[in-house]
Amino acid sequence: MKCAAPVIVTRDLYHDLLNERSITMGKYFIAWLLGVPVFLLVIIYFIF
């Protein structure tokens, strides 16, 4: 069995990933506040 090489996560990479995720989740949260049904948001999340 081969072990996967360790991934070095730098502070900048971590913040970039966290920021991208926050922006994505923020868009869905705003859509939810505007009245878009949750099941539709989940379907859109899995498609895109």
Protein backbone atom coordinates (compact mmCIF):
# COMPACT_ATOMS: atom_id res chain seq x y z
CA MET A 1 0.00 0.00 0.00
CA LYS A 2 1.25 3.41 -0.89
CA CYS A 3 0.60 6.33 1.41
CA ALA A 4 -0.52 9.57 -0.08
CA ALA A 5 2.00 12.37 0.06
CA PRO A 6 1.25 14.85 2.82
CA VAL A 7 -0.32 18.09 1.69
CA ILE A 8 1.27 21.19 3.11
CA VAL A 9 -1.39 23.75 3.84
CA THR A 10 0.05 27.19 4.21
CA ARG A 11 -1.72 29.97 6.03
CA ASP A 12 -2.41 31.81 2.75
CA LEU A 13 -3.88 28.71 1.11
CA TYR A 14 -6.05 28.07 4.16
CA HIS A 15 -7.39 31.64 4.11
CA ASP A 16 -8.05 31.47 0.35
CA LEU A 17 -10.01 28.23 0.72
CA LEU A 18 -11.91 29.56 3.72
CA ASN A 19 -12.75 32.82 1.94
CA GLU A 20 -13.99 31.00 -1.18
CA ARG A 21 -16.22 28.75 0.92
CA SER A 22 -17.55 31.72 2.89
CA ILE A 23 -18.50 33.56 -0.28
CA THR A 24 -20.26 30.49 -1.67
CA MET A 25 -22.20 29.85 1.54
CA GLY A 26 -23.07 33.56 1.78
CA LYS A 27 -24.72 33.45 -1.64
CA TYR A 28 -26.91 30.51 -0.60
CA PHE A 29 -27.77 32.20 2.69
CA ILE A 30 -28.89 35.37 0.91
CA ALA A 31 -30.97 33.31 -1.53
CA TRP A 32 -32.57 31.53 1.43
CA LEU A 33 -33.37 34.88 3.09
CA LEU A 34 -34.99 36.01 -0.15
CA GLY A 35 -37.35 33.04 -0.05
CA VAL A 36 -35.76 30.44 -2.30
CA PRO A 37 -36.85 26.99 -1.04
CA VAL A 38 -34.13 24.96 0.70
CA PHE A 39 -34.61 21.87 -1.48
CA LEU A 40 -33.97 23.98 -4.57
CA LEU A 41 -30.79 25.43 -3.03
CA VAL A 42 -29.55 21.91 -2.25
CA ILE A 43 -30.19 20.76 -5.82
CA ILE A 44 -28.37 23.81 -7.21
CA TYR A 45 -25.48 23.22 -4.78
CA PHE A 46 -24.96 19.66 -6.00
CA ILE A 47 -25.25 20.57 -9.69
CA PHE A 48 -22.75 23.42 -9.55
